Amino acid sequence: MAIHKVGEEELFLLLNRLSGVVDLSKDLPANIFMGDELVFWFFERPLICLVDVFAGLVAESVSSLISSVFIKFSGAEFLEQSCFSMGGKDVNEDVIWLNEGADDFFGGKVGYPIYFFNGTFDWVAFESAFEEFGVIAVKSSALKKDFEMYLNANFISMRELRELASGSLIEARIAKALIDSYGS
């Protein structure tokens, strides 16, 4: 296993940098991201339970963007053992371990919201306890071909979200709320 818990000093620095990309006081369906040149994809939560998709996201991010991937539970709370780093080795094993721990939020020590991001903050994903869908924001300048292809193949694009919004199920209302916040 190559996953490791992020220590206090690094967690402090990561949360400080994350606060420059995300409004930590907001929740979905509001647009929580700061920045102009962002492209959005959506996913049904919980992302960690979609083991193959999440492992693929980590592997493709590390390969394309050359940076570790972080998972931060409990939002901006400065909690010991609430943040983990994955560097690309043993990704499947790490994701399975993370999935098993997340089943009970590591014995109730952590919770929602959950942030997923790479170390250079080229992309950040957010999963809330209050919405059925999560959102991934990617800097358009960081959209490498293979990474974008992975996102398009495995996540819900804005176009697909608009199609979903045209229905009459509960997902349509959720999609409409997200389009109101993230659509351009």
N, C-alpha and C. Protein backbone atom coordinates (compact mmCIF):
# COMPACT_ATOMS: atom_id res chain seq x y z
N MET A 1 0.84 -1.18 0.00
CA MET A 1 0.00 0.00 0.00
C MET A 1 0.89 1.25 0.00
N ALA A 2 0.51 2.23 -0.81
CA ALA A 2 1.31 3.45 -0.92
C ALA A 2 0.59 4.67 -0.38
N ILE A 3 -0.67 4.52 0.04
CA ILE A 3 -1.42 5.65 0.59
C ILE A 3 -0.83 6.03 1.95
N HIS A 4 -0.79 7.32 2.23
CA HIS A 4 -0.36 7.71 3.57
C HIS A 4 -1.16 8.88 4.10
N LYS A 5 -1.22 8.92 5.42
CA LYS A 5 -1.93 9.99 6.10
C LYS A 5 -1.09 11.25 6.04
N VAL A 6 -1.76 12.36 5.80
CA VAL A 6 -1.09 13.65 5.72
C VAL A 6 -0.89 14.17 7.13
N GLY A 7 0.33 14.59 7.43
CA GLY A 7 0.66 15.11 8.76
C GLY A 7 0.13 16.53 8.96
N GLU A 8 0.26 17.00 10.20
CA GLU A 8 -0.29 18.31 10.60
C GLU A 8 0.21 19.47 9.75
N GLU A 9 1.52 19.55 9.57
CA GLU A 9 2.08 20.69 8.83
C GLU A 9 1.60 20.71 7.39
N GLU A 10 1.65 19.55 6.74
CA GLU A 10 1.22 19.49 5.35
C GLU A 10 -0.29 19.75 5.25
N LEU A 11 -1.06 19.23 6.20
CA LEU A 11 -2.51 19.46 6.20
C LEU A 11 -2.81 20.94 6.32
N PHE A 12 -2.10 21.63 7.19
CA PHE A 12 -2.29 23.08 7.35
C PHE A 12 -2.04 23.80 6.03
N LEU A 13 -0.94 23.44 5.36
CA LEU A 13 -0.60 24.07 4.08
C LEU A 13 -1.64 23.74 3.00
N LEU A 14 -2.07 22.48 2.95
CA LEU A 14 -3.07 22.09 1.95
C LEU A 14 -4.39 22.82 2.16
N LEU A 15 -4.84 22.91 3.42
CA LEU A 15 -6.10 23.61 3.69
C LEU A 15 -6.00 25.09 3.34
N ASN A 16 -4.85 25.67 3.60
CA ASN A 16 -4.63 27.07 3.26
C ASN A 16 -4.71 27.27 1.74
N ARG A 17 -4.07 26.39 0.99
CA ARG A 17 -4.11 26.47 -0.47
C ARG A 17 -5.50 26.15 -1.01
N LEU A 18 -6.18 25.18 -0.40
CA LEU A 18 -7.53 24.81 -0.83
C LEU A 18 -8.48 25.98 -0.66
N SER A 19 -8.28 26.76 0.39
CA SER A 19 -9.17 27.91 0.64
C SER A 19 -9.02 28.99 -0.43
N GLY A 20 -7.97 28.94 -1.22
CA GLY A 20 -7.80 29.87 -2.33
C GLY A 20 -8.47 29.39 -3.61
N VAL A 21 -8.95 28.16 -3.60
CA VAL A 21 -9.57 27.56 -4.78
C VAL A 21 -11.07 27.31 -4.55
N VAL A 22 -11.42 27.05 -3.29
CA VAL A 22 -12.78 26.69 -2.93
C VAL A 22 -13.26 27.59 -1.80
N ASP A 23 -14.50 28.02 -1.87
CA ASP A 23 -15.10 28.75 -0.75
C ASP A 23 -15.54 27.69 0.25
N LEU A 24 -14.74 27.52 1.30
CA LEU A 24 -14.95 26.45 2.26
C LEU A 24 -16.22 26.62 3.09
N SER A 25 -16.86 27.78 3.00
CA SER A 25 -18.09 28.02 3.76
C SER A 25 -19.35 27.65 2.97
N LYS A 26 -19.19 27.35 1.68
CA LYS A 26 -20.34 27.03 0.83
C LYS A 26 -20.52 25.52 0.70
N ASP A 27 -21.71 25.14 0.27
CA ASP A 27 -22.02 23.74 0.01
C ASP A 27 -22.83 23.66 -1.29
N LEU A 28 -22.90 22.47 -1.84
CA LEU A 28 -23.68 22.26 -3.04
C LEU A 28 -25.16 22.45 -2.74
N PRO A 29 -25.95 22.90 -3.66
CA PRO A 29 -25.65 23.00 -5.09
C PRO A 29 -24.99 24.31 -5.49
N ALA A 30 -24.68 25.20 -4.55
CA ALA A 30 -24.01 26.45 -4.90
C ALA A 30 -22.66 26.17 -5.54
N ASN A 31 -22.20 27.10 -6.37
CA ASN A 31 -20.88 27.01 -6.95
C ASN A 31 -19.87 27.36 -5.86
N ILE A 32 -19.12 26.37 -5.43
CA ILE A 32 -18.18 26.55 -4.33
C ILE A 32 -16.79 26.95 -4.83
N PHE A 33 -16.57 26.90 -6.16
CA PHE A 33 -15.24 27.09 -6.71
C PHE A 33 -14.97 28.55 -7.06
N MET A 34 -13.72 28.96 -6.83
CA MET A 34 -13.28 30.29 -7.18
C MET A 34 -12.35 30.18 -8.39
N GLY A 35 -12.52 31.04 -9.32
CA GLY A 35 -11.71 31.00 -10.54
C GLY A 35 -12.60 31.06 -11.75
N ASP A 36 -12.05 31.58 -12.83
CA ASP A 36 -12.83 31.81 -14.03
C ASP A 36 -12.72 30.69 -15.06
N GLU A 37 -11.56 30.17 -15.25
CA GLU A 37 -11.33 29.23 -16.34
C GLU A 37 -11.47 27.80 -15.87
N LEU A 38 -12.67 27.44 -15.40
CA LEU A 38 -12.92 26.10 -14.89
C LEU A 38 -13.91 25.37 -15.77
N VAL A 39 -13.67 24.08 -15.93
CA VAL A 39 -14.57 23.20 -16.65
C VAL A 39 -15.10 22.20 -15.62
N PHE A 40 -16.38 21.86 -15.71
CA PHE A 40 -17.01 21.04 -14.68
C PHE A 40 -17.51 19.70 -15.22
N TRP A 41 -17.36 18.69 -14.38
CA TRP A 41 -17.97 17.38 -14.57
C TRP A 41 -18.67 17.04 -13.27
N PHE A 42 -19.59 16.10 -13.34
CA PHE A 42 -20.39 15.73 -12.18
C PHE A 42 -20.37 14.22 -12.01
N PHE A 43 -20.67 13.77 -10.81
CA PHE A 43 -20.67 12.34 -10.54
C PHE A 43 -21.70 12.02 -9.46
N GLU A 44 -22.19 10.80 -9.51
CA GLU A 44 -23.07 10.35 -8.45
C GLU A 44 -22.20 9.96 -7.27
N ARG A 45 -22.58 10.41 -6.11
CA ARG A 45 -21.76 10.12 -4.95
C ARG A 45 -22.21 8.84 -4.29
N PRO A 46 -21.43 8.20 -3.49
CA PRO A 46 -20.06 8.54 -3.10
C PRO A 46 -19.02 8.03 -4.11
N LEU A 47 -18.13 8.91 -4.49
CA LEU A 47 -17.10 8.60 -5.47
C LEU A 47 -16.19 7.47 -4.99
N ILE A 48 -15.88 7.44 -3.72
CA ILE A 48 -14.98 6.42 -3.19
C ILE A 48 -15.55 5.02 -3.39
N CYS A 49 -16.87 4.91 -3.41
CA CYS A 49 -17.50 3.60 -3.61
C CYS A 49 -17.44 3.14 -5.06
N LEU A 50 -17.20 4.04 -5.98
CA LEU A 50 -17.03 3.69 -7.38
C LEU A 50 -15.55 3.36 -7.59
N VAL A 51 -15.13 2.23 -7.04
CA VAL A 51 -13.71 1.89 -6.90
C VAL A 51 -12.96 2.00 -8.23
N ASP A 52 -13.49 1.39 -9.29
CA ASP A 52 -12.78 1.43 -10.58
C ASP A 52 -12.67 2.84 -11.13
N VAL A 53 -13.75 3.61 -11.02
CA VAL A 53 -13.76 4.98 -11.53
C VAL A 53 -12.80 5.85 -10.71
N PHE A 54 -12.86 5.72 -9.39
CA PHE A 54 -11.99 6.53 -8.54
C PHE A 54 -10.52 6.15 -8.75
N ALA A 55 -10.23 4.85 -8.83
CA ALA A 55 -8.85 4.42 -9.07
C ALA A 55 -8.36 4.94 -10.42
N GLY A 56 -9.23 4.92 -11.42
CA GLY A 56 -8.87 5.46 -12.73
C GLY A 56 -8.60 6.95 -12.69
N LEU A 57 -9.42 7.68 -11.94
CA LEU A 57 -9.21 9.13 -11.80
C LEU A 57 -7.86 9.41 -11.17
N VAL A 58 -7.54 8.69 -10.11
CA VAL A 58 -6.25 8.89 -9.43
C VAL A 58 -5.11 8.56 -10.39
N ALA A 59 -5.18 7.39 -11.03
CA ALA A 59 -4.10 6.96 -11.92
C ALA A 59 -3.92 7.93 -13.08
N GLU A 60 -5.04 8.35 -13.69
CA GLU A 60 -4.94 9.27 -14.83
C GLU A 60 -4.44 10.64 -14.41
N SER A 61 -4.87 11.10 -13.24
CA SER A 61 -4.40 12.39 -12.74
C SER A 61 -2.89 12.35 -12.48
N VAL A 62 -2.44 11.32 -11.80
CA VAL A 62 -1.00 11.20 -11.50
C VAL A 62 -0.20 11.11 -12.80
N SER A 63 -0.69 10.33 -13.75
CA SER A 63 0.01 10.14 -15.02
C SER A 63 0.02 11.42 -15.86
N SER A 64 -1.12 12.07 -15.99
CA SER A 64 -1.24 13.24 -16.85
C SER A 64 -0.71 14.52 -16.21
N LEU A 65 -0.95 14.68 -14.92
CA LEU A 65 -0.64 15.95 -14.26
C LEU A 65 0.57 15.88 -13.33
N ILE A 66 1.15 14.71 -13.20
CA ILE A 66 2.39 14.49 -12.46
C ILE A 66 2.31 15.09 -11.04
N SER A 67 1.31 14.69 -10.30
CA SER A 67 1.12 15.20 -8.95
C SER A 67 0.32 14.20 -8.14
N SER A 68 0.61 14.10 -6.87
CA SER A 68 -0.16 13.23 -5.98
C SER A 68 -1.61 13.66 -5.92
N VAL A 69 -2.47 12.75 -5.49
CA VAL A 69 -3.88 13.04 -5.29
C VAL A 69 -4.17 12.96 -3.80
N PHE A 70 -4.97 13.91 -3.32
CA PHE A 70 -5.32 13.99 -1.91
C PHE A 70 -6.81 13.79 -1.72
N ILE A 71 -7.18 13.21 -0.60
CA ILE A 71 -8.57 13.03 -0.21
C ILE A 71 -8.68 13.60 1.19
N LYS A 72 -9.51 14.62 1.34
CA LYS A 72 -9.69 15.30 2.64
C LYS A 72 -11.13 15.12 3.09
N PHE A 73 -11.32 14.40 4.18
CA PHE A 73 -12.63 14.22 4.79
C PHE A 73 -12.90 15.36 5.77
N SER A 74 -14.15 15.53 6.14
CA SER A 74 -14.58 16.50 7.16
C SER A 74 -14.32 17.94 6.75
N GLY A 75 -14.38 18.20 5.45
CA GLY A 75 -14.25 19.56 4.97
C GLY A 75 -12.98 20.24 5.44
N ALA A 76 -13.13 21.48 5.88
CA ALA A 76 -11.97 22.28 6.28
C ALA A 76 -11.56 22.05 7.73
N GLU A 77 -12.23 21.14 8.41
CA GLU A 77 -11.85 20.88 9.80
C GLU A 77 -10.43 20.35 9.86
N PHE A 78 -9.67 20.88 10.80
CA PHE A 78 -8.27 20.49 10.96
C PHE A 78 -8.22 19.28 11.89
N LEU A 79 -8.55 18.13 11.31
CA LEU A 79 -8.60 16.89 12.07
C LEU A 79 -7.43 15.99 11.71
N GLU A 80 -6.79 15.46 12.71
CA GLU A 80 -5.74 14.49 12.49
C GLU A 80 -6.34 13.27 11.80
N GLN A 81 -5.64 12.71 10.87
CA GLN A 81 -6.04 11.52 10.12
C GLN A 81 -7.31 11.73 9.30
N SER A 82 -7.51 12.96 8.80
CA SER A 82 -8.66 13.23 7.94
C SER A 82 -8.25 13.44 6.49
N CYS A 83 -6.95 13.37 6.21
CA CYS A 83 -6.46 13.63 4.86
C CYS A 83 -5.44 12.57 4.49
N PHE A 84 -5.56 12.08 3.25
CA PHE A 84 -4.68 11.02 2.76
C PHE A 84 -4.10 11.43 1.41
N SER A 85 -2.92 10.90 1.13
CA SER A 85 -2.23 11.20 -0.13
C SER A 85 -1.95 9.89 -0.86
N MET A 86 -2.16 9.94 -2.18
CA MET A 86 -1.87 8.79 -3.04
C MET A 86 -0.96 9.26 -4.17
N GLY A 87 0.14 8.55 -4.36
CA GLY A 87 1.11 8.98 -5.35
C GLY A 87 1.14 8.20 -6.64
N GLY A 88 0.28 7.24 -6.80
CA GLY A 88 0.23 6.53 -8.07
C GLY A 88 0.68 5.08 -8.01
N LYS A 89 1.37 4.68 -6.97
CA LYS A 89 1.74 3.27 -6.80
C LYS A 89 0.61 2.57 -6.06
N ASP A 90 0.35 1.33 -6.44
CA ASP A 90 -0.67 0.51 -5.77
C ASP A 90 -2.02 1.21 -5.67
N VAL A 91 -2.42 1.92 -6.72
CA VAL A 91 -3.65 2.71 -6.69
C VAL A 91 -4.87 1.86 -6.37
N ASN A 92 -5.02 0.73 -7.04
CA ASN A 92 -6.20 -0.11 -6.78
C ASN A 92 -6.26 -0.56 -5.33
N GLU A 93 -5.16 -1.01 -4.80
CA GLU A 93 -5.10 -1.44 -3.39
C GLU A 93 -5.42 -0.27 -2.46
N ASP A 94 -4.87 0.89 -2.75
CA ASP A 94 -5.12 2.08 -1.92
C ASP A 94 -6.58 2.49 -1.96
N VAL A 95 -7.19 2.45 -3.14
CA VAL A 95 -8.58 2.85 -3.27
C VAL A 95 -9.49 1.86 -2.54
N ILE A 96 -9.18 0.58 -2.61
CA ILE A 96 -9.97 -0.42 -1.88
C ILE A 96 -9.85 -0.18 -0.38
N TRP A 97 -8.65 0.11 0.11
CA TRP A 97 -8.46 0.39 1.53
C TRP A 97 -9.25 1.63 1.94
N LEU A 98 -9.18 2.66 1.12
CA LEU A 98 -9.91 3.90 1.38
C LEU A 98 -11.42 3.66 1.38
N ASN A 99 -11.89 2.88 0.43
CA ASN A 99 -13.30 2.54 0.34
C ASN A 99 -13.77 1.83 1.60
N GLU A 100 -13.00 0.87 2.05
CA GLU A 100 -13.38 0.12 3.26
C GLU A 100 -13.40 1.03 4.48
N GLY A 101 -12.42 1.90 4.61
CA GLY A 101 -12.39 2.83 5.74
C GLY A 101 -13.52 3.85 5.70
N ALA A 102 -13.89 4.26 4.49
CA ALA A 102 -14.94 5.26 4.33
C ALA A 102 -16.33 4.70 4.62
N ASP A 103 -16.46 3.38 4.60
CA ASP A 103 -17.77 2.76 4.89
C ASP A 103 -18.36 3.26 6.20
N ASP A 104 -17.51 3.39 7.21
CA ASP A 104 -17.98 3.89 8.51
C ASP A 104 -17.23 5.16 8.90
N PHE A 105 -16.71 5.85 7.88
CA PHE A 105 -15.94 7.08 8.09
C PHE A 105 -14.84 6.88 9.13
N PHE A 106 -14.09 5.80 8.91
CA PHE A 106 -12.95 5.46 9.76
C PHE A 106 -13.35 5.46 11.24
N GLY A 107 -14.40 4.70 11.50
CA GLY A 107 -14.88 4.56 12.87
C GLY A 107 -15.55 5.81 13.41
N GLY A 108 -16.08 6.65 12.52
CA GLY A 108 -16.75 7.87 12.94
C GLY A 108 -15.82 9.03 13.24
N LYS A 109 -14.55 8.89 12.87
CA LYS A 109 -13.57 9.96 13.14
C LYS A 109 -13.65 11.10 12.13
N VAL A 110 -14.18 10.83 10.94
CA VAL A 110 -14.29 11.84 9.90
C VAL A 110 -15.70 11.81 9.31
N GLY A 111 -15.98 12.74 8.42
CA GLY A 111 -17.29 12.79 7.79
C GLY A 111 -17.26 13.61 6.52
N TYR A 112 -18.46 14.07 6.13
CA TYR A 112 -18.61 14.95 4.98
C TYR A 112 -18.39 16.38 5.42
N PRO A 113 -18.12 17.28 4.47
CA PRO A 113 -17.89 17.06 3.05
C PRO A 113 -16.52 16.46 2.78
N ILE A 114 -16.35 15.95 1.55
CA ILE A 114 -15.09 15.36 1.13
C ILE A 114 -14.56 16.16 -0.06
N TYR A 115 -13.28 16.50 0.01
CA TYR A 115 -12.58 17.15 -1.10
C TYR A 115 -11.60 16.14 -1.68
N PHE A 116 -11.52 16.09 -2.99
CA PHE A 116 -10.52 15.31 -3.71
C PHE A 116 -9.77 16.32 -4.57
N PHE A 117 -8.46 16.25 -4.64
CA PHE A 117 -7.72 17.22 -5.45
C PHE A 117 -6.31 16.71 -5.70
N ASN A 118 -5.69 17.26 -6.72
CA ASN A 118 -4.29 16.92 -6.93
C ASN A 118 -3.43 17.98 -6.25
N GLY A 119 -2.17 17.65 -6.07
CA GLY A 119 -1.28 18.50 -5.28
C GLY A 119 -1.02 19.87 -5.84
N THR A 120 -1.26 20.06 -7.12
CA THR A 120 -1.08 21.37 -7.73
C THR A 120 -2.41 22.09 -7.94
N PHE A 121 -3.48 21.51 -7.44
CA PHE A 121 -4.83 22.09 -7.50
C PHE A 121 -5.27 22.39 -8.93
N ASP A 122 -4.84 21.53 -9.85
CA ASP A 122 -5.33 21.63 -11.22
C ASP A 122 -6.79 21.22 -11.28
N TRP A 123 -7.19 20.35 -10.37
CA TRP A 123 -8.58 19.93 -10.27
C TRP A 123 -8.94 19.71 -8.81
N VAL A 124 -10.19 19.94 -8.52
CA VAL A 124 -10.73 19.72 -7.18
C VAL A 124 -12.13 19.13 -7.36
N ALA A 125 -12.42 18.08 -6.63
CA ALA A 125 -13.77 17.51 -6.63
C ALA A 125 -14.35 17.68 -5.23
N PHE A 126 -15.66 17.84 -5.18
CA PHE A 126 -16.34 18.09 -3.91
C PHE A 126 -17.56 17.18 -3.82
N GLU A 127 -17.69 16.56 -2.67
CA GLU A 127 -18.82 15.68 -2.41
C GLU A 127 -19.45 16.10 -1.09
N SER A 128 -20.74 16.38 -1.14
CA SER A 128 -21.49 16.86 0.01
C SER A 128 -22.41 15.76 0.54
N ALA A 129 -22.77 15.87 1.78
CA ALA A 129 -23.76 14.96 2.35
C ALA A 129 -25.16 15.35 1.92
N PHE A 130 -25.33 16.55 1.37
CA PHE A 130 -26.65 17.09 1.08
C PHE A 130 -27.12 16.96 -0.36
N GLU A 131 -26.26 16.53 -1.27
CA GLU A 131 -26.62 16.40 -2.68
C GLU A 131 -26.27 15.00 -3.18
N GLU A 132 -27.03 14.54 -4.13
CA GLU A 132 -26.79 13.22 -4.72
C GLU A 132 -25.63 13.22 -5.71
N PHE A 133 -25.29 14.41 -6.22
CA PHE A 133 -24.20 14.53 -7.18
C PHE A 133 -23.06 15.33 -6.55
N GLY A 134 -21.85 14.95 -6.95
CA GLY A 134 -20.67 15.73 -6.62
C GLY A 134 -20.21 16.45 -7.87
N VAL A 135 -19.23 17.32 -7.71
CA VAL A 135 -18.75 18.11 -8.84
C VAL A 135 -17.23 18.11 -8.87
N ILE A 136 -16.70 18.07 -10.08
CA ILE A 136 -15.25 18.17 -10.31
C ILE A 136 -15.01 19.44 -11.11
N ALA A 137 -14.13 20.29 -10.61
CA ALA A 137 -13.73 21.50 -11.32
C ALA A 137 -12.28 21.32 -11.78
N VAL A 138 -12.04 21.57 -13.05
CA VAL A 138 -10.70 21.43 -13.61
C VAL A 138 -10.31 22.73 -14.28
N LYS A 139 -9.10 23.20 -13.99
CA LYS A 139 -8.60 24.38 -14.69
C LYS A 139 -8.47 24.02 -16.17
N SER A 140 -9.00 24.85 -17.03
CA SER A 140 -8.95 24.54 -18.47
C SER A 140 -7.50 24.41 -18.94
N SER A 141 -6.59 25.14 -18.33
CA SER A 141 -5.18 25.05 -18.72
C SER A 141 -4.55 23.71 -18.33
N ALA A 142 -5.20 22.95 -17.44
CA ALA A 142 -4.67 21.66 -17.00
C ALA A 142 -5.29 20.49 -17.74
N LEU A 143 -6.15 20.76 -18.70
CA LEU A 143 -6.85 19.69 -19.40
C LEU A 143 -5.94 19.03 -20.43
N LYS A 144 -5.17 18.10 -19.98
CA LYS A 144 -4.36 17.29 -20.88
C LYS A 144 -5.30 16.32 -21.59
N LYS A 145 -4.97 15.94 -22.81
CA LYS A 145 -5.85 15.14 -23.64
C LYS A 145 -6.34 13.86 -22.94
N ASP A 146 -5.42 13.06 -22.39
CA ASP A 146 -5.81 11.80 -21.77
C ASP A 146 -6.67 12.02 -20.52
N PHE A 147 -6.35 13.05 -19.75
CA PHE A 147 -7.12 13.34 -18.54
C PHE A 147 -8.54 13.76 -18.92
N GLU A 148 -8.66 14.62 -19.91
CA GLU A 148 -9.98 15.06 -20.37
C GLU A 148 -10.77 13.88 -20.93
N MET A 149 -10.12 13.02 -21.67
CA MET A 149 -10.81 11.85 -22.22
C MET A 149 -11.33 10.96 -21.09
N TYR A 150 -10.53 10.81 -20.03
CA TYR A 150 -10.98 9.99 -18.89
C TYR A 150 -12.21 10.63 -18.23
N LEU A 151 -12.15 11.92 -18.01
CA LEU A 151 -13.28 12.61 -17.40
C LEU A 151 -14.54 12.48 -18.26
N ASN A 152 -14.40 12.68 -19.56
CA ASN A 152 -15.55 12.58 -20.45
C ASN A 152 -16.15 11.17 -20.49
N ALA A 153 -15.30 10.17 -20.38
CA ALA A 153 -15.77 8.79 -20.46
C ALA A 153 -16.40 8.30 -19.15
N ASN A 154 -16.04 8.91 -18.02
CA ASN A 154 -16.44 8.35 -16.73
C ASN A 154 -17.27 9.26 -15.84
N PHE A 155 -17.42 10.50 -16.23
CA PHE A 155 -18.17 11.45 -15.42
C PHE A 155 -19.23 12.14 -16.28
N ILE A 156 -20.11 12.85 -15.65
CA ILE A 156 -21.22 13.51 -16.32
C ILE A 156 -20.77 14.90 -16.77
N SER A 157 -20.81 15.13 -18.06
CA SER A 157 -20.44 16.45 -18.59
C SER A 157 -21.59 17.43 -18.38
N MET A 158 -21.34 18.69 -18.61
CA MET A 158 -22.39 19.70 -18.52
C MET A 158 -23.50 19.40 -19.53
N ARG A 159 -23.13 18.97 -20.72
CA ARG A 159 -24.13 18.62 -21.74
C ARG A 159 -25.02 17.48 -21.24
N GLU A 160 -24.41 16.47 -20.67
CA GLU A 160 -25.18 15.33 -20.14
C GLU A 160 -26.04 15.74 -18.95
N LEU A 161 -25.53 16.67 -18.15
CA LEU A 161 -26.31 17.17 -17.01
C LEU A 161 -27.56 17.89 -17.51
N ARG A 162 -27.42 18.65 -18.60
CA ARG A 162 -28.58 19.34 -19.19
C ARG A 162 -29.62 18.33 -19.69
N GLU A 163 -29.15 17.24 -20.28
CA GLU A 163 -30.07 16.18 -20.71
C GLU A 163 -30.79 15.57 -19.51
N LEU A 164 -30.07 15.34 -18.46
CA LEU A 164 -30.66 14.78 -17.24
C LEU A 164 -31.69 15.75 -16.65
N ALA A 165 -31.42 17.03 -16.75
CA ALA A 165 -32.33 18.04 -16.20
C ALA A 165 -33.66 18.10 -16.94
N SER A 166 -33.69 17.59 -18.14
CA SER A 166 -34.93 17.64 -18.92
C SER A 166 -35.94 16.58 -18.50
N GLY A 167 -35.53 15.67 -17.64
CA GLY A 167 -36.44 14.62 -17.18
C GLY A 167 -37.36 15.09 -16.08
N SER A 168 -38.08 14.14 -15.51
CA SER A 168 -39.05 14.49 -14.47
C SER A 168 -38.73 13.84 -13.12
N LEU A 169 -37.67 13.07 -13.04
CA LEU A 169 -37.30 12.42 -11.79
C LEU A 169 -36.61 13.40 -10.85
N ILE A 170 -36.37 12.97 -9.62
CA ILE A 170 -35.70 13.81 -8.63
C ILE A 170 -34.33 14.25 -9.13
N GLU A 171 -33.66 13.36 -9.90
CA GLU A 171 -32.35 13.71 -10.44
C GLU A 171 -32.43 14.94 -11.34
N ALA A 172 -33.57 15.12 -12.00
CA ALA A 172 -33.75 16.28 -12.88
C ALA A 172 -33.73 17.57 -12.08
N ARG A 173 -34.39 17.56 -10.92
CA ARG A 173 -34.38 18.77 -10.07
C ARG A 173 -32.99 19.06 -9.55
N ILE A 174 -32.26 18.02 -9.17
CA ILE A 174 -30.89 18.20 -8.69
C ILE A 174 -30.03 18.75 -9.83
N ALA A 175 -30.18 18.17 -11.01
CA ALA A 175 -29.40 18.61 -12.17
C ALA A 175 -29.70 20.08 -12.49
N LYS A 176 -30.96 20.47 -12.42
CA LYS A 176 -31.34 21.87 -12.69
C LYS A 176 -30.67 22.81 -11.69
N ALA A 177 -30.63 22.42 -10.43
CA ALA A 177 -30.00 23.27 -9.40
C ALA A 177 -28.51 23.41 -9.68
N LEU A 178 -27.86 22.32 -10.08
CA LEU A 178 -26.43 22.39 -10.40
C LEU A 178 -26.18 23.22 -11.65
N ILE A 179 -27.04 23.11 -12.64
CA ILE A 179 -26.91 23.92 -13.87
C ILE A 179 -27.05 25.40 -13.52
N ASP A 180 -27.98 25.73 -12.64
CA ASP A 180 -28.14 27.13 -12.22
C ASP A 180 -26.85 27.68 -11.63
N SER A 181 -26.11 26.84 -10.92
CA SER A 181 -24.87 27.29 -10.28
C SER A 181 -23.65 27.18 -11.17
N TYR A 182 -23.59 26.15 -12.00
CA TYR A 182 -22.37 25.86 -12.75
C TYR A 182 -22.48 26.08 -14.25
N GLY A 183 -23.68 26.25 -14.76
CA GLY A 183 -23.87 26.44 -16.19
C GLY A 183 -23.43 27.83 -16.62
N SER A 184 -23.03 27.92 -17.88
CA SER A 184 -22.62 29.24 -18.36
C SER A 184 -23.39 29.63 -19.59
